[in-house]
C-alpha atoms as a PDB file:
ATOM      1  CA  MET A   1       0.000   0.000   0.000  1.00  0.00           C
ATOM      2  CA  SER A   2       1.255   3.481  -0.850  1.00  0.00           C
ATOM      3  CA  GLY A   3       0.738   6.723   0.959  1.00  0.00           C
ATOM      4  CA  PRO A   4       2.519   8.981   3.435  1.00  0.00           C
ATOM      5  CA  VAL A   5       4.369   7.379   6.318  1.00  0.00           C
ATOM      6  CA  VAL A   6       2.920   8.650   9.594  1.00  0.00           C
ATOM      7  CA  LEU A   7       4.354   8.365  13.093  1.00  0.00           C
ATOM      8  CA  ALA A   8       1.740   8.601  15.868  1.00  0.00           C
ATOM      9  CA  LEU A   9       2.253   9.328  19.567  1.00  0.00           C
ATOM     10  CA  ASP A  10      -0.136   9.470  22.489  1.00  0.00           C
ATOM     11  CA  THR A  11       0.647   9.976  26.173  1.00  0.00           C
ATOM     12  CA  SER A  12      -2.780  10.976  27.465  1.00  0.00           C
ATOM     13  CA  THR A  13      -2.921   7.841  29.618  1.00  0.00           C
ATOM     14  CA  VAL A  14      -0.367   5.130  28.874  1.00  0.00           C
ATOM     15  CA  VAL A  15       2.572   5.521  26.486  1.00  0.00           C
ATOM     16  CA  ALA A  16       1.695   4.682  22.867  1.00  0.00           C
ATOM     17  CA  ALA A  17       3.474   4.859  19.508  1.00  0.00           C
ATOM     18  CA  GLY A  18       2.380   3.666  16.086  1.00  0.00           C
ATOM     19  CA  VAL A  19       3.472   3.820  12.464  1.00  0.00           C
ATOM     20  CA  ALA A  20       1.337   3.595   9.308  1.00  0.00           C
ATOM     21  CA  ARG A  21       1.822   3.885   5.570  1.00  0.00           C
ATOM     22  CA  GLY A  22      -1.355   5.301   4.158  1.00  0.00           C
ATOM     23  CA  ARG A  23      -4.204   3.384   5.792  1.00  0.00           C
ATOM     24  CA  GLU A  24      -2.050   0.382   6.652  1.00  0.00           C
ATOM     25  CA  ALA A  25      -0.815   0.173  10.249  1.00  0.00           C
ATOM     26  CA  LEU A  26       2.780  -1.073  10.310  1.00  0.00           C
ATOM     27  CA  ALA A  27       3.408  -0.957  14.063  1.00  0.00           C
ATOM     28  CA  SER A  28       1.285  -0.429  17.167  1.00  0.00           C
ATOM     29  CA  LEU A  29       2.976  -0.472  20.574  1.00  0.00           C
ATOM     30  CA  THR A  30       1.960   0.583  24.083  1.00  0.00           C
ATOM     31  CA  VAL A  31       3.571   0.575  27.509  1.00  0.00           C
ATOM     32  CA  ALA A  32       0.987   0.394  30.282  1.00  0.00           C
ATOM     33  CA  ASP A  33       2.765   2.847  32.575  1.00  0.00           C
ATOM     34  CA  ARG A  34       1.118   6.116  33.547  1.00  0.00           C
ATOM     35  CA  MET A  35       4.118   7.399  35.492  1.00  0.00           C
ATOM     36  CA  GLN A  36       7.149   7.035  33.173  1.00  0.00           C
ATOM     37  CA  HIS A  37       6.219   8.830  29.963  1.00  0.00           C
ATOM     38  CA  VAL A  38       9.624  10.524  29.730  1.00  0.00           C
ATOM     39  CA  GLU A  39      11.585   7.299  30.179  1.00  0.00           C
ATOM     40  CA  GLN A  40       9.416   5.126  27.943  1.00  0.00           C
ATOM     41  CA  LEU A  41       8.358   7.255  24.960  1.00  0.00           C
ATOM     42  CA  ILE A  42      11.578   7.603  22.927  1.00  0.00           C
ATOM     43  CA  PRO A  43      12.527   3.903  23.270  1.00  0.00           C
ATOM     44  CA  LEU A  44       8.980   2.980  22.229  1.00  0.00           C
ATOM     45  CA  ILE A  45       9.190   5.222  19.148  1.00  0.00           C
ATOM     46  CA  ARG A  46      12.476   3.588  18.158  1.00  0.00           C
ATOM     47  CA  GLN A  47      10.939   0.156  18.628  1.00  0.00           C
ATOM     48  CA  ALA A  48       7.879   1.062  16.533  1.00  0.00           C
ATOM     49  CA  LEU A  49      10.025   2.410  13.708  1.00  0.00           C
ATOM     50  CA  ALA A  50      12.246  -0.678  13.823  1.00  0.00           C
ATOM     51  CA  GLU A  51       9.193  -2.956  13.726  1.00  0.00           C
ATOM     52  CA  ALA A  52       7.964  -1.081  10.645  1.00  0.00           C
ATOM     53  CA  GLY A  53      11.422  -1.360   9.041  1.00  0.00           C
ATOM     54  CA  LEU A  54      11.771   2.420   8.924  1.00  0.00           C
ATOM     55  CA  SER A  55      13.772   5.263  10.419  1.00  0.00           C
ATOM     56  CA  LEU A  56      12.888   8.808  11.378  1.00  0.00           C
ATOM     57  CA  ALA A  57      14.167   9.940   7.974  1.00  0.00           C
ATOM     58  CA  ASP A  58      11.369   7.921   6.331  1.00  0.00           C
ATOM     59  CA  ILE A  59       8.584   9.720   8.218  1.00  0.00           C
ATOM     60  CA  ASP A  60       6.403  12.130   6.222  1.00  0.00           C
ATOM     61  CA  ARG A  61       4.075  13.292   9.000  1.00  0.00           C
ATOM     62  CA  ILE A  62       3.649  13.104  12.767  1.00  0.00           C
ATOM     63  CA  VAL A  63       0.309  13.053  14.561  1.00  0.00           C
ATOM     64  CA  VAL A  64      -0.047  13.316  18.336  1.00  0.00           C
ATOM     65  CA  GLY A  65      -2.961  12.769  20.671  1.00  0.00           C
ATOM     66  CA  LEU A  66      -3.647  15.949  22.643  1.00  0.00           C
ATOM     67  CA  GLY A  67      -5.744  14.291  25.335  1.00  0.00           C
ATOM     68  CA  PRO A  68      -7.576  15.288  27.382  1.00  0.00           C
ATOM     69  CA  GLY A  69      -5.296  13.951  30.052  1.00  0.00           C
ATOM     70  CA  PRO A  70      -2.979  14.911  32.914  1.00  0.00           C
ATOM     71  CA  PHE A  71      -0.599  17.827  32.520  1.00  0.00           C
ATOM     72  CA  THR A  72       2.763  16.041  32.712  1.00  0.00           C
ATOM     73  CA  GLY A  73       1.938  13.123  30.426  1.00  0.00           C
ATOM     74  CA  LEU A  74       0.440  15.291  27.684  1.00  0.00           C
ATOM     75  CA  ARG A  75       3.317  17.757  27.796  1.00  0.00           C
ATOM     76  CA  VAL A  76       5.813  14.936  27.197  1.00  0.00           C
ATOM     77  CA  GLY A  77       3.988  13.640  24.127  1.00  0.00           C
ATOM     78  CA  VAL A  78       3.335  17.001  22.497  1.00  0.00           C
ATOM     79  CA  ALA A  79       6.853  18.299  23.133  1.00  0.00           C
ATOM     80  CA  THR A  80       8.362  15.111  21.730  1.00  0.00           C
ATOM     81  CA  ALA A  81       6.199  15.321  18.603  1.00  0.00           C
ATOM     82  CA  ALA A  82       7.243  18.936  18.050  1.00  0.00           C
ATOM     83  CA  VAL A  83      10.953  18.161  18.456  1.00  0.00           C
ATOM     84  CA  LEU A  84      10.840  15.119  16.159  1.00  0.00           C
ATOM     85  CA  ALA A  85       8.880  17.050  13.533  1.00  0.00           C
ATOM     86  CA  ALA A  86      11.475  19.809  13.580  1.00  0.00           C
ATOM     87  CA  ALA A  87      14.335  17.292  13.375  1.00  0.00           C
ATOM     88  CA  ALA A  88      12.736  15.473  10.440  1.00  0.00           C
ATOM     89  CA  SER A  89      11.463  18.687   8.777  1.00  0.00           C
ATOM     90  CA  VAL A  90       7.908  17.324   8.569  1.00  0.00           C
ATOM     91  CA  GLU A  91       4.464  18.563   9.564  1.00  0.00           C
ATOM     92  CA  PHE A  92       2.858  17.561  12.806  1.00  0.00           C
ATOM     93  CA  ARG A  93      -0.665  18.044  14.055  1.00  0.00           C
ATOM     94  CA  GLY A  94      -2.691  17.188  17.119  1.00  0.00           C
ATOM     95  CA  VAL A  95      -6.028  15.415  17.451  1.00  0.00           C
ATOM     96  CA  CYS A  96      -8.377  14.784  20.341  1.00  0.00           C
ATOM     97  CA  THR A  97      -7.516  11.368  21.768  1.00  0.00           C
ATOM     98  CA  LEU A  98     -11.191  10.634  22.399  1.00  0.00           C
ATOM     99  CA  ASP A  99     -11.846  11.021  18.654  1.00  0.00           C
ATOM    100  CA  VAL A 100      -9.482   8.117  17.967  1.00  0.00           C
ATOM    101  CA  LEU A 101     -11.351   5.827  20.366  1.00  0.00           C
ATOM    102  CA  ALA A 102     -14.621   6.905  18.767  1.00  0.00           C
ATOM    103  CA  ALA A 103     -13.238   6.033  15.323  1.00  0.00           C
ATOM    104  CA  GLN A 104     -12.137   2.638  16.632  1.00  0.00           C
ATOM    105  CA  HIS A 105     -15.628   1.985  18.006  1.00  0.00           C
ATOM    106  CA  SER A 106     -17.302   3.088  14.796  1.00  0.00           C
ATOM    107  CA  ALA A 107     -14.972   0.913  12.694  1.00  0.00           C
ATOM    108  CA  GLU A 108     -15.718  -2.133  14.856  1.00  0.00           C
ATOM    109  CA  HIS A 109     -19.406  -1.670  14.039  1.00  0.00           C
ATOM    110  CA  ASP A 110     -19.062  -0.976  10.302  1.00  0.00           C
ATOM    111  CA  GLY A 111     -19.219   2.788  10.661  1.00  0.00           C
ATOM    112  CA  ALA A 112     -22.470   2.816  12.621  1.00  0.00           C
ATOM    113  CA  GLY A 113     -20.859   3.177  16.033  1.00  0.00           C
ATOM    114  CA  GLY A 114     -22.973   0.270  17.173  1.00  0.00           C
ATOM    115  CA  GLU A 115     -25.515   2.605  18.719  1.00  0.00           C
ATOM    116  CA  ALA A 116     -28.320   4.295  16.765  1.00  0.00           C
ATOM    117  CA  THR A 117     -28.597   7.066  19.356  1.00  0.00           C
ATOM    118  CA  GLY A 118     -24.858   7.762  19.509  1.00  0.00           C
ATOM    119  CA  PHE A 119     -22.375   7.003  22.241  1.00  0.00           C
ATOM    120  CA  VAL A 120     -19.858   8.424  24.712  1.00  0.00           C
ATOM    121  CA  VAL A 121     -16.113   7.906  25.005  1.00  0.00           C
ATOM    122  CA  ALA A 122     -14.764   8.248  28.544  1.00  0.00           C
ATOM    123  CA  THR A 123     -11.261   8.062  30.005  1.00  0.00           C
ATOM    124  CA  ASP A 124     -10.120   8.159  33.607  1.00  0.00           C
ATOM    125  CA  ALA A 125      -9.459  11.681  34.922  1.00  0.00           C
ATOM    126  CA  ARG A 126      -8.825  10.434  38.488  1.00  0.00           C
ATOM    127  CA  ARG A 127     -10.237  12.404  41.441  1.00  0.00           C
ATOM    128  CA  LYS A 128     -13.445  10.390  40.850  1.00  0.00           C
ATOM    129  CA  GLU A 129     -13.948  12.189  37.529  1.00  0.00           C
ATOM    130  CA  VAL A 130     -13.785  11.280  33.844  1.00  0.00           C
ATOM    131  CA  TYR A 131     -12.816  12.981  30.606  1.00  0.00           C
ATOM    132  CA  TRP A 132     -15.593  12.448  28.089  1.00  0.00           C
ATOM    133  CA  ALA A 133     -17.070  13.433  24.748  1.00  0.00           C
ATOM    134  CA  GLN A 134     -20.340  12.567  23.026  1.00  0.00           C
ATOM    135  CA  TYR A 135     -20.514  11.223  19.443  1.00  0.00           C
ATOM    136  CA  ASP A 136     -23.197  10.449  16.901  1.00  0.00           C
ATOM    137  CA  SER A 137     -23.559   6.922  15.555  1.00  0.00           C
ATOM    138  CA  ALA A 138     -20.968   7.579  12.817  1.00  0.00           C
ATOM    139  CA  GLY A 139     -18.319   8.719  15.328  1.00  0.00           C
ATOM    140  CA  THR A 140     -18.592  12.483  14.780  1.00  0.00           C
ATOM    141  CA  ARG A 141     -18.044  14.452  17.969  1.00  0.00           C
ATOM    142  CA  LEU A 142     -21.113  16.397  19.100  1.00  0.00           C
ATOM    143  CA  LEU A 143     -20.140  17.546  22.587  1.00  0.00           C
ATOM    144  CA  GLY A 144     -16.934  17.889  24.564  1.00  0.00           C
ATOM    145  CA  PRO A 145     -14.301  17.081  25.474  1.00  0.00           C
ATOM    146  CA  ARG A 146     -15.193  17.796  29.075  1.00  0.00           C
ATOM    147  CA  VAL A 147     -14.118  16.712  32.535  1.00  0.00           C
ATOM    148  CA  GLY A 148     -16.407  16.038  35.475  1.00  0.00           C
ATOM    149  CA  PRO A 149     -18.042  13.437  37.689  1.00  0.00           C
ATOM    150  CA  PRO A 150     -19.623  10.385  36.032  1.00  0.00           C
ATOM    151  CA  GLU A 151     -23.058  11.728  36.929  1.00  0.00           C
ATOM    152  CA  ASP A 152     -22.538  14.565  34.416  1.00  0.00           C
ATOM    153  CA  VAL A 153     -21.965  12.180  31.496  1.00  0.00           C
ATOM    154  CA  PRO A 154     -24.979  11.693  29.169  1.00  0.00           C
ATOM    155  CA  GLY A 155     -26.700   8.366  29.794  1.00  0.00           C
ATOM    156  CA  LEU A 156     -25.599   6.874  26.481  1.00  0.00           C
ATOM    157  CA  PRO A 157     -23.684   3.686  25.698  1.00  0.00           C
ATOM    158  CA  THR A 158     -20.112   4.330  26.842  1.00  0.00           C
ATOM    159  CA  VAL A 159     -16.769   2.979  25.665  1.00  0.00           C
ATOM    160  CA  GLY A 160     -13.173   3.860  26.484  1.00  0.00           C
ATOM    161  CA  PRO A 161     -10.805   3.240  29.400  1.00  0.00           C
ATOM    162  CA  ALA A 162     -13.225   4.615  32.011  1.00  0.00           C
ATOM    163  CA  ALA A 163     -16.345   2.788  30.810  1.00  0.00           C
ATOM    164  CA  ASP A 164     -16.079   0.071  33.455  1.00  0.00           C
ATOM    165  CA  LEU A 165     -14.818   2.231  36.335  1.00  0.00           C
ATOM    166  CA  TYR A 166     -18.190   3.456  37.558  1.00  0.00           C
ATOM    167  CA  PRO A 167     -20.802   0.688  37.352  1.00  0.00           C
ATOM    168  CA  GLY A 168     -24.308   2.053  37.663  1.00  0.00           C
ATOM    169  CA  ARG A 169     -23.209   5.549  36.703  1.00  0.00           C
ATOM    170  CA  LEU A 170     -21.813   4.922  33.215  1.00  0.00           C
ATOM    171  CA  HIS A 171     -23.658   2.784  30.685  1.00  0.00           C
ATOM    172  CA  ALA A 172     -20.724   0.597  29.634  1.00  0.00           C
ATOM    173  CA  VAL A 173     -21.069  -1.421  26.419  1.00  0.00           C
ATOM    174  CA  MET A 174     -18.699  -3.582  24.421  1.00  0.00           C
ATOM    175  CA  GLY A 175     -16.158  -1.480  22.583  1.00  0.00           C
ATOM    176  CA  PRO A 176     -12.553  -0.277  22.708  1.00  0.00           C
ATOM    177  CA  ARG A 177     -11.012   0.218  26.122  1.00  0.00           C
ATOM    178  CA  THR A 178      -7.558   1.297  24.945  1.00  0.00           C
ATOM    179  CA  LEU A 179      -6.321   3.560  22.187  1.00  0.00           C
ATOM    180  CA  ASP A 180      -4.692   1.766  19.256  1.00  0.00           C
ATOM    181  CA  PRO A 181      -1.717   3.900  18.129  1.00  0.00           C
ATOM    182  CA  GLY A 182      -1.664   2.057  14.805  1.00  0.00           C
ATOM    183  CA  VAL A 183      -5.167   3.389  14.156  1.00  0.00           C
ATOM    184  CA  LEU A 184      -4.045   6.857  15.243  1.00  0.00           C
ATOM    185  CA  ALA A 185      -1.222   6.690  12.690  1.00  0.00           C
ATOM    186  CA  ALA A 186      -3.507   5.377   9.938  1.00  0.00           C
ATOM    187  CA  ILE A 187      -6.429   7.806  10.333  1.00  0.00           C
ATOM    188  CA  GLY A 188      -5.122  10.611  12.533  1.00  0.00           C
ATOM    189  CA  TRP A 189      -4.572  12.991   9.625  1.00  0.00           C
ATOM    190  CA  ASP A 190      -8.228  12.610   8.643  1.00  0.00           C
ATOM    191  CA  LEU A 191      -9.610  13.433  12.105  1.00  0.00           C
ATOM    192  CA  PRO A 192     -10.550  17.017  13.076  1.00  0.00           C
ATOM    193  CA  ASP A 193      -7.447  19.145  13.592  1.00  0.00           C
ATOM    194  CA  ALA A 194      -7.202  20.060  17.284  1.00  0.00           C
ATOM    195  CA  GLY A 195      -4.152  22.306  16.935  1.00  0.00           C
ATOM    196  CA  THR A 196      -0.971  21.680  18.898  1.00  0.00           C
ATOM    197  CA  GLU A 197      -1.910  22.705  22.439  1.00  0.00           C
ATOM    198  CA  PRO A 198      -2.590  19.903  24.955  1.00  0.00           C
ATOM    199  CA  LEU A 199      -6.198  19.536  26.118  1.00  0.00           C
ATOM    200  CA  TYR A 200      -5.582  19.728  29.854  1.00  0.00           C
ATOM    201  CA  LEU A 201      -9.153  20.834  30.784  1.00  0.00           C
ATOM    202  CA  ARG A 202      -7.802  21.456  34.283  1.00  0.00           C
ATOM    203  CA  ARG A 203      -5.309  23.838  35.777  1.00  0.00           C
ATOM    204  CA  PRO A 204      -1.968  22.282  36.792  1.00  0.00           C
ATOM    205  CA  ASP A 205      -1.911  21.190  40.436  1.00  0.00           C
ATOM    206  CA  ALA A 206       1.199  23.226  41.132  1.00  0.00           C
ATOM    207  CA  ALA A 207       0.793  26.973  40.815  1.00  0.00           C
ATOM    208  CA  GLU A 208       2.697  30.006  42.035  1.00  0.00           C
ATOM    209  CA  PRO A 209       0.945  32.070  44.700  1.00  0.00           C
ATOM    210  CA  THR A 210      -0.659  35.182  43.274  1.00  0.00           C
ATOM    211  CA  ARG A 211       0.246  37.432  46.200  1.00  0.00           C
ATOM    212  CA  ARG A 212       1.908  37.294  49.574  1.00  0.00           C
ATOM    213  CA  LYS A 213      -0.295  36.724  52.552  1.00  0.00           C
ATOM    214  CA  PRO A 214      -0.202  39.657  54.976  1.00  0.00           C
ATOM    215  CA  VAL A 215       1.328  38.899  58.360  1.00  0.00           C
ATOM    216  CA  LEU A 216      -0.363  40.847  61.153  1.00  0.00           C
ATOM    217  CA  LEU A 217       0.714  40.704  64.757  1.00  0.00           C
ATOM    218  CA  THR A 218      -2.072  40.339  67.284  1.00  0.00           C
ATOM    219  CA  ARG A 219      -1.972  42.231  70.520  1.00  0.00           C
ATOM    220  CA  THR A 220      -0.540  39.208  72.334  1.00  0.00           C
ATOM    221  CA  GLU A 221       2.069  38.634  69.606  1.00  0.00           C
ATOM    222  CA  ARG A 222       3.435  42.194  69.600  1.00  0.00           C
ATOM    223  CA  PRO A 223       6.856  42.575  71.261  1.00  0.00           C
ATOM    224  CA  PRO A 224       6.628  44.100  74.748  1.00  0.00           C
ATOM    225  CA  ARG A 225       7.538  47.748  75.214  1.00  0.00           C
ATOM    226  CA  PRO A 226      10.879  48.259  76.913  1.00  0.00           C
ATOM    227  CA  THR A 227      10.664  49.141  80.618  1.00  0.00           C
ATOM    228  CA  ARG A 228      12.573  52.045  82.126  1.00  0.00           C
ATOM    229  CA  GLY A 229      15.311  49.702  83.280  1.00  0.00           C
ATOM    230  CA  ASP A 230      15.817  48.365  79.802  1.00  0.00           C
ATOM    231  CA  ARG A 231      16.463  51.741  78.202  1.00  0.00           C
END
């Protein structure tokens, strides 16, 4: 099969790298580690390229999943994509990671998404919340991405990594539970362009204080006045 060679990266949850030529996935690798994106991503990219029988010089495009996801993981993936694109002198673009899972679900059901009324893709946002987006039956995003408690998610059939985390609150159905980076490489350039900025949806946990807190001495904390003998 002919077509551009695409390298795909995603670090919105686990570490994932894939390679495709046109619509044919040549490599699809993941490392199920949510804490070592920096250590795992570059070796995984090298492994994916080696499995495809290619090198970075053979890459025509790079596509990266922008999340939503946690701050540190997303930053690693997007920064790596930007650096590799500059080194290889190729274009790179970002897509919503949830769109890839929706495309996987739609493809598994012959483009009908499996649900006449549409469906939801949800991933784990921790803090008892989920990242989610709503899609029509063909996999076109209608709403989101958003982050919030499971109770805020529309009561539609739900797929994705978080579908089984909240029984009774999410309507889990059979469908993809993990992103396939080979699919991301094969179809990522056809998905809606989400720019190049990570979809954090939350502020980083660490933030600089906006102003100093005033320190006022109470009457009992004020230093005593000197007595005559102390002068």
